[in-house]
C-alpha cells in the first residue's frame, strides 16, 4: 500500500511569493549599490566600500539559506515545502534593505 500523497499547493504558492519578493528586493539593492558606486567613481572616490556591506549581507543570507537547506534535506521534506521554508528565511533581509533604502530616499528630499 502506498502512503497518502501530500498536497503541496499552498507551499508552492508561498514559495513563489517568497522567492519573487526576494529576487525583486535583491535586484533593487544591486541597482542601488551599482548606482552609488557609479557616482562615487565619477566623483573620484573609491567605489569598493560601497560594495562590501551589500556583499556581506548577501553572503550572510546565502550562508543561512545553505545551512537550512542542508538541514531540511536531511529531514526529507518535499521539495515545495523546502522551497517555501527557505524563501521564508531568505526574504526578510533583502526586503528590510529595500524598505530602508526607500525610507532613506523619501526622507532625503
N, C-alpha and C. Protein backbone atom coordinates (compact mmCIF):
# COMPACT_ATOMS: atom_id res chain seq x y z
N UNK A 1 0.83 -1.17 0.00
CA UNK A 1 0.00 0.00 0.00
C UNK A 1 0.89 1.25 0.00
N UNK A 2 0.53 2.20 -0.84
CA UNK A 2 1.30 3.44 -0.94
C UNK A 2 0.89 4.43 0.13
N UNK A 3 1.85 5.26 0.57
CA UNK A 3 1.47 6.31 1.52
C UNK A 3 0.62 7.36 0.82
N UNK A 4 -0.20 8.04 1.57
CA UNK A 4 -1.08 9.07 1.01
C UNK A 4 -0.25 10.22 0.45
N UNK A 5 -0.66 10.72 -0.70
CA UNK A 5 0.05 11.84 -1.33
C UNK A 5 -0.20 13.11 -0.53
N UNK A 6 0.84 13.90 -0.39
CA UNK A 6 0.71 15.17 0.33
C UNK A 6 0.31 16.27 -0.65
N UNK A 7 -0.55 17.14 -0.20
CA UNK A 7 -0.92 18.29 -1.01
C UNK A 7 0.03 19.43 -0.69
N UNK A 8 0.67 19.93 -1.72
CA UNK A 8 1.66 20.99 -1.50
C UNK A 8 1.35 22.23 -2.33
N UNK A 9 0.10 22.42 -2.70
CA UNK A 9 -0.28 23.60 -3.48
C UNK A 9 -0.03 24.90 -2.75
N UNK A 10 -0.38 24.94 -1.47
CA UNK A 10 -0.15 26.14 -0.68
C UNK A 10 1.33 26.41 -0.52
N UNK A 11 2.10 25.37 -0.31
CA UNK A 11 3.54 25.54 -0.16
C UNK A 11 4.15 26.06 -1.46
N UNK A 12 3.67 25.59 -2.60
CA UNK A 12 4.17 26.08 -3.89
C UNK A 12 3.85 27.56 -4.07
N UNK A 13 2.64 27.96 -3.71
CA UNK A 13 2.25 29.37 -3.85
C UNK A 13 3.08 30.25 -2.92
N UNK A 14 3.28 29.79 -1.69
CA UNK A 14 4.10 30.56 -0.75
C UNK A 14 5.54 30.66 -1.23
N UNK A 15 6.07 29.56 -1.75
CA UNK A 15 7.44 29.59 -2.26
C UNK A 15 7.57 30.58 -3.41
N UNK A 16 6.59 30.61 -4.30
CA UNK A 16 6.63 31.55 -5.43
C UNK A 16 6.60 33.00 -4.94
N UNK A 17 5.75 33.28 -3.96
CA UNK A 17 5.65 34.65 -3.44
C UNK A 17 6.94 35.04 -2.72
N UNK A 18 7.42 34.17 -1.83
CA UNK A 18 8.63 34.49 -1.07
C UNK A 18 9.83 34.71 -1.98
N UNK A 19 10.03 33.82 -2.94
CA UNK A 19 11.21 33.94 -3.81
C UNK A 19 11.06 35.09 -4.80
N UNK A 20 9.84 35.42 -5.21
CA UNK A 20 9.64 36.59 -6.08
C UNK A 20 10.01 37.88 -5.33
N UNK A 21 9.55 37.99 -4.10
CA UNK A 21 9.89 39.17 -3.29
C UNK A 21 11.40 39.23 -3.06
N UNK A 22 12.03 38.08 -2.81
CA UNK A 22 13.47 38.05 -2.58
C UNK A 22 14.24 38.50 -3.81
N UNK A 23 13.88 37.98 -4.98
CA UNK A 23 14.60 38.33 -6.20
C UNK A 23 14.40 39.80 -6.56
N UNK A 24 13.18 40.29 -6.44
CA UNK A 24 12.93 41.71 -6.72
C UNK A 24 13.68 42.61 -5.74
N UNK A 25 13.72 42.23 -4.47
CA UNK A 25 14.44 43.01 -3.48
C UNK A 25 15.94 43.03 -3.76
N UNK A 26 16.48 41.87 -4.09
CA UNK A 26 17.91 41.81 -4.40
C UNK A 26 18.23 42.62 -5.66
N UNK A 27 17.35 42.60 -6.64
CA UNK A 27 17.55 43.41 -7.84
C UNK A 27 17.61 44.89 -7.52
N UNK A 28 16.70 45.35 -6.66
CA UNK A 28 16.70 46.75 -6.26
C UNK A 28 17.98 47.11 -5.50
N UNK A 29 18.40 46.23 -4.59
CA UNK A 29 19.61 46.51 -3.81
C UNK A 29 20.85 46.53 -4.69
N UNK A 30 20.93 45.65 -5.66
CA UNK A 30 22.06 45.65 -6.59
C UNK A 30 22.05 46.94 -7.41
N UNK A 31 20.87 47.35 -7.87
CA UNK A 31 20.76 48.61 -8.61
C UNK A 31 21.25 49.78 -7.76
N UNK A 32 20.83 49.83 -6.51
CA UNK A 32 21.25 50.92 -5.62
C UNK A 32 22.76 50.90 -5.40
N UNK A 33 23.32 49.72 -5.15
CA UNK A 33 24.76 49.62 -4.92
C UNK A 33 25.55 50.03 -6.17
N UNK A 34 25.10 49.60 -7.33
CA UNK A 34 25.79 49.99 -8.57
C UNK A 34 25.65 51.48 -8.84
N UNK A 35 24.50 52.03 -8.56
CA UNK A 35 24.28 53.46 -8.76
C UNK A 35 25.18 54.29 -7.84
N UNK A 36 25.23 53.93 -6.58
CA UNK A 36 26.08 54.65 -5.63
C UNK A 36 27.55 54.50 -6.01
N UNK A 37 27.95 53.30 -6.39
CA UNK A 37 29.34 53.08 -6.78
C UNK A 37 29.69 53.86 -8.04
N UNK A 38 28.77 53.93 -8.98
CA UNK A 38 28.98 54.69 -10.20
C UNK A 38 29.23 56.16 -9.89
N UNK A 39 28.39 56.74 -9.05
CA UNK A 39 28.55 58.14 -8.73
C UNK A 39 29.79 58.37 -7.86
N UNK A 40 30.16 57.43 -7.03
CA UNK A 40 31.40 57.56 -6.25
C UNK A 40 32.60 57.53 -7.17
N UNK A 41 32.59 56.67 -8.18
CA UNK A 41 33.70 56.61 -9.13
C UNK A 41 33.79 57.89 -9.95
N UNK A 42 32.65 58.45 -10.32
CA UNK A 42 32.65 59.71 -11.07
C UNK A 42 33.23 60.84 -10.22
N UNK A 43 32.92 60.82 -8.93
CA UNK A 43 33.42 61.87 -8.03
C UNK A 43 34.88 61.68 -7.67
N UNK A 44 35.49 60.61 -8.14
CA UNK A 44 36.90 60.37 -7.87
C UNK A 44 37.16 59.55 -6.63
N UNK A 45 36.13 58.99 -6.03
CA UNK A 45 36.30 58.19 -4.82
C UNK A 45 36.50 56.72 -5.15
N UNK A 46 36.64 55.94 -4.12
CA UNK A 46 36.82 54.50 -4.26
C UNK A 46 35.45 53.83 -4.08
N UNK A 47 34.93 53.18 -5.13
CA UNK A 47 33.59 52.56 -5.01
C UNK A 47 33.59 51.23 -4.26
N UNK A 48 34.75 50.68 -3.95
CA UNK A 48 34.80 49.36 -3.30
C UNK A 48 34.07 49.30 -1.95
N UNK A 49 34.22 50.29 -1.07
CA UNK A 49 33.50 50.19 0.22
C UNK A 49 31.98 50.12 0.07
N UNK A 50 31.46 50.66 -1.01
CA UNK A 50 30.01 50.63 -1.21
C UNK A 50 29.52 49.24 -1.59
N UNK A 51 30.43 48.38 -2.03
CA UNK A 51 30.07 47.01 -2.36
C UNK A 51 30.25 46.06 -1.18
N UNK A 52 31.09 46.42 -0.21
CA UNK A 52 31.41 45.50 0.87
C UNK A 52 30.21 45.20 1.77
N UNK A 53 29.45 46.23 2.14
CA UNK A 53 28.31 46.00 3.03
C UNK A 53 27.22 45.16 2.34
N UNK A 54 26.79 45.52 1.11
CA UNK A 54 25.78 44.66 0.46
C UNK A 54 26.29 43.25 0.19
N UNK A 55 27.56 43.12 -0.17
CA UNK A 55 28.11 41.79 -0.44
C UNK A 55 28.16 40.96 0.85
N UNK A 56 28.49 41.59 1.96
CA UNK A 56 28.49 40.87 3.24
C UNK A 56 27.10 40.43 3.65
N UNK A 57 26.12 41.29 3.45
CA UNK A 57 24.74 40.92 3.75
C UNK A 57 24.25 39.79 2.87
N UNK A 58 24.60 39.84 1.58
CA UNK A 58 24.22 38.77 0.67
C UNK A 58 24.90 37.46 1.04
N UNK A 59 26.16 37.53 1.42
CA UNK A 59 26.88 36.32 1.84
C UNK A 59 26.25 35.72 3.10
N UNK A 60 25.80 36.56 4.02
CA UNK A 60 25.16 36.06 5.24
C UNK A 60 23.84 35.37 4.91
N UNK A 61 23.04 35.96 4.02
CA UNK A 61 21.76 35.35 3.63
C UNK A 61 22.01 34.01 2.94
N UNK A 62 23.00 33.97 2.05
CA UNK A 62 23.32 32.73 1.34
C UNK A 62 23.78 31.66 2.32
N UNK A 63 24.59 32.03 3.30
CA UNK A 63 25.07 31.05 4.27
C UNK A 63 23.93 30.48 5.11
N UNK A 64 23.02 31.34 5.57
CA UNK A 64 21.89 30.87 6.37
C UNK A 64 20.99 29.96 5.55
N UNK A 65 20.71 30.33 4.30
CA UNK A 65 19.85 29.52 3.45
C UNK A 65 20.53 28.18 3.13
N UNK A 66 21.84 28.19 2.92
CA UNK A 66 22.55 26.94 2.62
C UNK A 66 22.52 25.99 3.81
N UNK A 67 22.72 26.51 5.01
CA UNK A 67 22.68 25.66 6.22
C UNK A 67 21.27 25.12 6.42
N UNK A 68 20.28 25.96 6.24
CA UNK A 68 18.91 25.49 6.41
C UNK A 68 18.52 24.48 5.34
N UNK A 69 19.01 24.68 4.11
CA UNK A 69 18.76 23.73 3.04
C UNK A 69 19.32 22.36 3.39
N UNK A 70 20.53 22.33 3.92
CA UNK A 70 21.12 21.05 4.33
C UNK A 70 20.30 20.39 5.43
N UNK A 71 19.82 21.18 6.38
CA UNK A 71 19.02 20.65 7.47
C UNK A 71 17.69 20.09 6.96
N UNK A 72 17.02 20.85 6.07
CA UNK A 72 15.73 20.40 5.56
C UNK A 72 15.86 19.21 4.63
N UNK A 73 16.97 19.14 3.90
CA UNK A 73 17.20 17.97 3.05
C UNK A 73 17.39 16.73 3.90
N UNK A 74 18.08 16.88 5.03
CA UNK A 74 18.29 15.74 5.92
C UNK A 74 16.96 15.27 6.53
N UNK A 75 16.03 16.20 6.71
CA UNK A 75 14.73 15.84 7.29
C UNK A 75 13.81 15.16 6.27
N UNK A 76 14.11 15.27 4.99
CA UNK A 76 13.33 14.60 3.96
C UNK A 76 12.01 15.27 3.63
N UNK A 77 11.95 16.59 3.72
CA UNK A 77 10.72 17.30 3.38
C UNK A 77 10.51 17.33 1.87
N UNK A 78 9.26 17.44 1.41
CA UNK A 78 9.02 17.59 -0.03
C UNK A 78 9.65 18.88 -0.56
N UNK A 79 9.93 18.88 -1.84
CA UNK A 79 10.64 20.00 -2.46
C UNK A 79 9.87 21.31 -2.30
N UNK A 80 8.56 21.31 -2.49
CA UNK A 80 7.78 22.55 -2.40
C UNK A 80 7.80 23.11 -0.98
N UNK A 81 7.70 22.25 0.00
CA UNK A 81 7.72 22.70 1.39
C UNK A 81 9.10 23.26 1.73
N UNK A 82 10.14 22.60 1.22
CA UNK A 82 11.50 23.06 1.48
C UNK A 82 11.72 24.44 0.84
N UNK A 83 11.24 24.64 -0.40
CA UNK A 83 11.40 25.93 -1.06
C UNK A 83 10.63 27.03 -0.33
N UNK A 84 9.44 26.71 0.18
CA UNK A 84 8.67 27.70 0.93
C UNK A 84 9.38 28.07 2.22
N UNK A 85 9.92 27.09 2.92
CA UNK A 85 10.64 27.38 4.17
C UNK A 85 11.90 28.19 3.92
N UNK A 86 12.64 27.84 2.88
CA UNK A 86 13.85 28.60 2.55
C UNK A 86 13.50 30.01 2.10
N UNK A 87 12.43 30.17 1.36
CA UNK A 87 12.00 31.50 0.95
C UNK A 87 11.58 32.35 2.14
N UNK A 88 10.93 31.73 3.11
CA UNK A 88 10.52 32.46 4.30
C UNK A 88 11.72 32.95 5.10
N UNK A 89 12.81 32.21 5.05
CA UNK A 89 14.02 32.63 5.74
C UNK A 89 14.79 33.67 4.93
N UNK A 90 14.75 33.56 3.60
CA UNK A 90 15.58 34.40 2.75
C UNK A 90 15.01 35.80 2.50
N UNK A 91 13.68 35.96 2.49
CA UNK A 91 13.15 37.24 2.03
C UNK A 91 13.18 38.39 3.02
N UNK A 92 13.17 38.21 4.35
CA UNK A 92 13.12 39.38 5.23
C UNK A 92 14.34 40.29 5.14
N UNK A 93 15.53 39.73 4.98
CA UNK A 93 16.74 40.55 4.92
C UNK A 93 16.76 41.50 3.74
N UNK A 94 16.63 40.99 2.52
CA UNK A 94 16.61 41.90 1.37
C UNK A 94 15.41 42.86 1.39
N UNK A 95 14.27 42.39 1.86
CA UNK A 95 13.10 43.26 1.92
C UNK A 95 13.33 44.40 2.92
N UNK A 96 13.96 44.12 4.05
CA UNK A 96 14.29 45.17 5.01
C UNK A 96 15.25 46.17 4.39
N UNK A 97 16.21 45.69 3.59
CA UNK A 97 17.12 46.60 2.90
C UNK A 97 16.40 47.50 1.92
N UNK A 98 15.43 46.96 1.19
CA UNK A 98 14.66 47.76 0.25
C UNK A 98 13.84 48.80 0.99
N UNK A 99 13.17 48.39 2.06
CA UNK A 99 12.37 49.34 2.83
C UNK A 99 13.24 50.45 3.40
N UNK A 100 14.45 50.10 3.85
CA UNK A 100 15.36 51.12 4.38
C UNK A 100 15.78 52.09 3.29
N UNK A 101 16.14 51.57 2.11
CA UNK A 101 16.57 52.48 1.04
C UNK A 101 15.41 53.36 0.58
N UNK A 102 14.20 52.82 0.52
CA UNK A 102 13.06 53.64 0.14
C UNK A 102 12.77 54.71 1.19
N UNK A 103 12.91 54.37 2.46
CA UNK A 103 12.74 55.36 3.53
C UNK A 103 13.83 56.42 3.43
N UNK A 104 15.06 55.99 3.19
CA UNK A 104 16.18 56.93 3.07
C UNK A 104 15.96 57.87 1.88
N UNK A 105 15.50 57.33 0.75
CA UNK A 105 15.25 58.16 -0.42
C UNK A 105 14.09 59.14 -0.18
N UNK A 106 13.06 58.69 0.51
CA UNK A 106 11.91 59.58 0.74
C UNK A 106 12.23 60.66 1.76
N UNK A 107 13.12 60.39 2.70
CA UNK A 107 13.44 61.40 3.71
C UNK A 107 14.55 62.33 3.23
N UNK A 108 15.23 62.01 2.14
CA UNK A 108 16.32 62.85 1.64
C UNK A 108 15.80 64.07 0.92
N UNK A 109 14.56 64.04 0.49
CA UNK A 109 14.03 65.19 -0.26
C UNK A 109 13.24 66.11 0.61
